[in-house]
Amino acid sequence: MEKFVEEGKIRSLGLSNWYVKELESFLPQVTITPALVQNEIHPYYQENDVIPYIQDLGIVVQGWYPLGGRGHTAELLGDEVISGIAKAHGVSSAQVILRWNLQKGVVVIPGSSNPDHIKENTELYGFELTDAEMAQINALDRSEKHDWY
């Protein structure tokens, strides 16, 4: 893959589902640092040790399943803490979760086929979560993966 970057066939490299231990072993073996690491990240699985490690390397962190993923979205969107914060800001629970990620420096690309949800998911810049609200969401971490790979 590094050869393809050098030849201009691809612009950058990315990894999916890589954590501290794997990166510590892998990175000394390559000459091109990955541009992005994509991991499952949502309020019930926060990766709080992994995110800053990756970011300190100058690598972008992208969260997949930001809204909880298959079979878990309703539970996460209905969480009392998240719903309460959403109500206080006059936004949806999905917007709160996406904003929480952005404030942590995590890039999120939520999937939806519903045009209204897609539009709503882009409207994240009219409010900001307070430190107390960020802490409330951070306290929801269950180390609960919703997909295994």
C-alpha atoms as a PDB file:
ATOM      1  CA  MET A   1       0.000   0.000   0.000  1.00  0.00           C
ATOM      2  CA  GLU A   2       2.896   2.353   0.705  1.00  0.00           C
ATOM      3  CA  LYS A   3       4.140   1.740  -2.825  1.00  0.00           C
ATOM      4  CA  PHE A   4       0.759   2.843  -4.203  1.00  0.00           C
ATOM      5  CA  VAL A   5       1.008   6.088  -2.209  1.00  0.00           C
ATOM      6  CA  GLU A   6       4.525   6.706  -3.518  1.00  0.00           C
ATOM      7  CA  GLU A   7       3.310   6.056  -7.083  1.00  0.00           C
ATOM      8  CA  GLY A   8       0.410   8.468  -6.606  1.00  0.00           C
ATOM      9  CA  LYS A   9      -2.169   5.743  -7.142  1.00  0.00           C
ATOM     10  CA  ILE A  10      -3.704   6.446  -3.730  1.00  0.00           C
ATOM     11  CA  ARG A  11      -3.440   9.575  -1.602  1.00  0.00           C
ATOM     12  CA  SER A  12      -3.326   8.192   1.899  1.00  0.00           C
ATOM     13  CA  LEU A  13      -3.647   5.097   4.029  1.00  0.00           C
ATOM     14  CA  GLY A  14      -6.164   4.297   6.720  1.00  0.00           C
ATOM     15  CA  LEU A  15      -6.805   1.524   9.201  1.00  0.00           C
ATOM     16  CA  SER A  16      -9.980   0.144  10.714  1.00  0.00           C
ATOM     17  CA  ASN A  17     -10.311  -1.495  14.123  1.00  0.00           C
ATOM     18  CA  TRP A  18      -6.787  -0.818  15.392  1.00  0.00           C
ATOM     19  CA  TYR A  19      -5.970  -0.192  19.022  1.00  0.00           C
ATOM     20  CA  VAL A  20      -2.937   0.853  21.090  1.00  0.00           C
ATOM     21  CA  LYS A  21      -1.255  -2.564  21.268  1.00  0.00           C
ATOM     22  CA  GLU A  22      -1.654  -3.223  17.547  1.00  0.00           C
ATOM     23  CA  LEU A  23      -0.490   0.264  16.586  1.00  0.00           C
ATOM     24  CA  GLU A  24       2.569   0.079  18.851  1.00  0.00           C
ATOM     25  CA  SER A  25       3.585  -3.086  17.026  1.00  0.00           C
ATOM     26  CA  PHE A  26       2.618  -1.973  13.513  1.00  0.00           C
ATOM     27  CA  LEU A  27       3.769   1.642  13.202  1.00  0.00           C
ATOM     28  CA  PRO A  28       7.522   0.982  13.577  1.00  0.00           C
ATOM     29  CA  GLN A  29       7.246  -1.351  10.561  1.00  0.00           C
ATOM     30  CA  VAL A  30       5.920   1.270   8.124  1.00  0.00           C
ATOM     31  CA  THR A  31       7.316   4.426   6.573  1.00  0.00           C
ATOM     32  CA  ILE A  32       3.985   6.161   5.906  1.00  0.00           C
ATOM     33  CA  THR A  33       1.859   6.952   8.939  1.00  0.00           C
ATOM     34  CA  PRO A  34      -1.814   6.194   8.346  1.00  0.00           C
ATOM     35  CA  ALA A  35      -3.958   9.291   7.896  1.00  0.00           C
ATOM     36  CA  LEU A  36      -6.936   7.812   9.712  1.00  0.00           C
ATOM     37  CA  VAL A  37      -7.925   5.057  12.115  1.00  0.00           C
ATOM     38  CA  GLN A  38     -11.583   4.116  12.091  1.00  0.00           C
ATOM     39  CA  ASN A  39     -12.942   2.382  15.217  1.00  0.00           C
ATOM     40  CA  GLU A  40     -16.319   1.717  16.790  1.00  0.00           C
ATOM     41  CA  ILE A  41     -16.987   4.698  19.054  1.00  0.00           C
ATOM     42  CA  HIS A  42     -20.241   5.696  20.730  1.00  0.00           C
ATOM     43  CA  PRO A  43     -21.280   6.697  24.261  1.00  0.00           C
ATOM     44  CA  TYR A  44     -21.477   3.064  25.396  1.00  0.00           C
ATOM     45  CA  TYR A  45     -18.059   2.203  23.858  1.00  0.00           C
ATOM     46  CA  GLN A  46     -15.859   5.259  24.087  1.00  0.00           C
ATOM     47  CA  GLU A  47     -12.269   4.154  23.466  1.00  0.00           C
ATOM     48  CA  ASN A  48     -11.022   6.817  25.888  1.00  0.00           C
ATOM     49  CA  ASP A  49      -7.521   5.334  26.056  1.00  0.00           C
ATOM     50  CA  VAL A  50      -7.263   4.805  22.314  1.00  0.00           C
ATOM     51  CA  ILE A  51      -8.522   8.151  20.969  1.00  0.00           C
ATOM     52  CA  PRO A  52      -5.839  10.386  22.536  1.00  0.00           C
ATOM     53  CA  TYR A  53      -3.103   7.874  21.710  1.00  0.00           C
ATOM     54  CA  ILE A  54      -4.048   7.952  18.019  1.00  0.00           C
ATOM     55  CA  GLN A  55      -4.549  11.722  17.982  1.00  0.00           C
ATOM     56  CA  ASP A  56      -1.149  12.285  19.631  1.00  0.00           C
ATOM     57  CA  LEU A  57       0.376  10.451  16.662  1.00  0.00           C
ATOM     58  CA  GLY A  58      -1.196  13.013  14.333  1.00  0.00           C
ATOM     59  CA  ILE A  59      -3.689  10.472  13.021  1.00  0.00           C
ATOM     60  CA  VAL A  60      -7.373  11.328  12.569  1.00  0.00           C
ATOM     61  CA  VAL A  61      -9.830   9.205  14.542  1.00  0.00           C
ATOM     62  CA  GLN A  62     -13.107   8.326  12.866  1.00  0.00           C
ATOM     63  CA  GLY A  63     -15.923   6.701  14.807  1.00  0.00           C
ATOM     64  CA  TRP A  64     -18.136   4.165  13.139  1.00  0.00           C
ATOM     65  CA  TYR A  65     -21.504   3.257  14.654  1.00  0.00           C
ATOM     66  CA  PRO A  66     -21.618   6.676  16.334  1.00  0.00           C
ATOM     67  CA  LEU A  67     -25.319   6.159  17.099  1.00  0.00           C
ATOM     68  CA  GLY A  68     -24.852   2.677  18.536  1.00  0.00           C
ATOM     69  CA  GLY A  69     -25.189   0.509  15.450  1.00  0.00           C
ATOM     70  CA  ARG A  70     -27.544  -2.219  14.372  1.00  0.00           C
ATOM     71  CA  GLY A  71     -30.065  -3.104  17.048  1.00  0.00           C
ATOM     72  CA  HIS A  72     -28.709  -0.572  19.557  1.00  0.00           C
ATOM     73  CA  THR A  73     -29.587   2.820  18.092  1.00  0.00           C
ATOM     74  CA  ALA A  74     -32.989   3.113  19.793  1.00  0.00           C
ATOM     75  CA  GLU A  75     -31.513   2.334  23.212  1.00  0.00           C
ATOM     76  CA  LEU A  76     -28.752   4.898  22.799  1.00  0.00           C
ATOM     77  CA  LEU A  77     -31.025   7.608  21.388  1.00  0.00           C
ATOM     78  CA  GLY A  78     -33.470   6.957  24.232  1.00  0.00           C
ATOM     79  CA  ASP A  79     -30.831   7.116  26.967  1.00  0.00           C
ATOM     80  CA  GLU A  80     -32.114   9.456  29.700  1.00  0.00           C
ATOM     81  CA  VAL A  81     -28.847  11.378  29.990  1.00  0.00           C
ATOM     82  CA  ILE A  82     -28.589  11.975  26.258  1.00  0.00           C
ATOM     83  CA  SER A  83     -32.298  12.778  25.912  1.00  0.00           C
ATOM     84  CA  GLY A  84     -32.092  15.253  28.782  1.00  0.00           C
ATOM     85  CA  ILE A  85     -29.139  17.049  27.233  1.00  0.00           C
ATOM     86  CA  ALA A  86     -30.915  17.101  23.873  1.00  0.00           C
ATOM     87  CA  LYS A  87     -34.015  18.636  25.429  1.00  0.00           C
ATOM     88  CA  ALA A  88     -31.936  21.320  27.165  1.00  0.00           C
ATOM     89  CA  HIS A  89     -30.455  22.372  23.814  1.00  0.00           C
ATOM     90  CA  GLY A  90     -33.597  21.910  21.716  1.00  0.00           C
ATOM     91  CA  VAL A  91     -31.902  19.323  19.497  1.00  0.00           C
ATOM     92  CA  SER A  92     -32.213  15.586  18.902  1.00  0.00           C
ATOM     93  CA  SER A  93     -30.382  12.858  20.798  1.00  0.00           C
ATOM     94  CA  ALA A  94     -28.553  11.977  17.583  1.00  0.00           C
ATOM     95  CA  GLN A  95     -27.290  15.552  17.319  1.00  0.00           C
ATOM     96  CA  VAL A  96     -26.036  15.425  20.916  1.00  0.00           C
ATOM     97  CA  ILE A  97     -24.118  12.205  20.274  1.00  0.00           C
ATOM     98  CA  LEU A  98     -22.594  13.507  17.050  1.00  0.00           C
ATOM     99  CA  ARG A  99     -21.657  16.800  18.730  1.00  0.00           C
ATOM    100  CA  TRP A 100     -20.077  14.878  21.657  1.00  0.00           C
ATOM    101  CA  ASN A 101     -17.873  13.052  19.161  1.00  0.00           C
ATOM    102  CA  LEU A 102     -16.878  16.246  17.371  1.00  0.00           C
ATOM    103  CA  GLN A 103     -15.956  17.929  20.647  1.00  0.00           C
ATOM    104  CA  LYS A 104     -13.700  14.940  21.395  1.00  0.00           C
ATOM    105  CA  GLY A 105     -12.027  15.448  18.013  1.00  0.00           C
ATOM    106  CA  VAL A 106     -13.595  12.317  16.518  1.00  0.00           C
ATOM    107  CA  VAL A 107     -14.816  12.475  12.921  1.00  0.00           C
ATOM    108  CA  VAL A 108     -18.195  10.825  12.484  1.00  0.00           C
ATOM    109  CA  ILE A 109     -20.091   9.839   9.385  1.00  0.00           C
ATOM    110  CA  PRO A 110     -23.493   8.535  10.465  1.00  0.00           C
ATOM    111  CA  GLY A 111     -25.398   6.470   7.964  1.00  0.00           C
ATOM    112  CA  SER A 112     -28.988   7.154   7.060  1.00  0.00           C
ATOM    113  CA  SER A 113     -31.229   6.794   4.048  1.00  0.00           C
ATOM    114  CA  ASN A 114     -33.769   9.231   5.518  1.00  0.00           C
ATOM    115  CA  PRO A 115     -33.268  12.715   4.012  1.00  0.00           C
ATOM    116  CA  ASP A 116     -34.574  14.395   7.182  1.00  0.00           C
ATOM    117  CA  HIS A 117     -32.086  12.499   9.347  1.00  0.00           C
ATOM    118  CA  ILE A 118     -29.250  13.279   6.953  1.00  0.00           C
ATOM    119  CA  LYS A 119     -30.066  16.994   7.127  1.00  0.00           C
ATOM    120  CA  GLU A 120     -30.421  16.861  10.926  1.00  0.00           C
ATOM    121  CA  ASN A 121     -27.052  15.114  11.218  1.00  0.00           C
ATOM    122  CA  THR A 122     -25.368  18.096   9.561  1.00  0.00           C
ATOM    123  CA  GLU A 123     -26.875  20.649  11.941  1.00  0.00           C
ATOM    124  CA  LEU A 124     -24.347  20.317  14.761  1.00  0.00           C
ATOM    125  CA  TYR A 125     -22.795  23.751  14.925  1.00  0.00           C
ATOM    126  CA  GLY A 126     -25.598  25.802  16.474  1.00  0.00           C
ATOM    127  CA  PHE A 127     -24.912  24.467  19.968  1.00  0.00           C
ATOM    128  CA  GLU A 128     -22.032  23.294  22.108  1.00  0.00           C
ATOM    129  CA  LEU A 129     -22.018  20.815  24.958  1.00  0.00           C
ATOM    130  CA  THR A 130     -20.776  22.122  28.273  1.00  0.00           C
ATOM    131  CA  ASP A 131     -17.947  20.435  30.170  1.00  0.00           C
ATOM    132  CA  ALA A 132     -20.573  19.083  32.588  1.00  0.00           C
ATOM    133  CA  GLU A 133     -22.624  17.622  29.728  1.00  0.00           C
ATOM    134  CA  MET A 134     -19.516  16.070  28.170  1.00  0.00           C
ATOM    135  CA  ALA A 135     -18.745  14.509  31.562  1.00  0.00           C
ATOM    136  CA  GLN A 136     -22.301  13.155  31.839  1.00  0.00           C
ATOM    137  CA  ILE A 137     -21.969  11.438  28.465  1.00  0.00           C
ATOM    138  CA  ASN A 138     -18.454  10.235  29.282  1.00  0.00           C
ATOM    139  CA  ALA A 139     -19.904   8.556  32.384  1.00  0.00           C
ATOM    140  CA  LEU A 140     -22.121   6.380  30.132  1.00  0.00           C
ATOM    141  CA  ASP A 141     -19.153   4.287  28.939  1.00  0.00           C
ATOM    142  CA  ARG A 142     -19.891   0.576  29.417  1.00  0.00           C
ATOM    143  CA  SER A 143     -17.009  -0.724  27.277  1.00  0.00           C
ATOM    144  CA  GLU A 144     -19.865  -2.278  25.299  1.00  0.00           C
ATOM    145  CA  LYS A 145     -18.977  -3.146  21.713  1.00  0.00           C
ATOM    146  CA  HIS A 146     -21.960  -3.523  19.433  1.00  0.00           C
ATOM    147  CA  ASP A 147     -20.173  -5.283  16.614  1.00  0.00           C
ATOM    148  CA  TRP A 148     -17.435  -7.872  16.593  1.00  0.00           C
ATOM    149  CA  TYR A 149     -15.006  -8.221  13.757  1.00  0.00           C
END
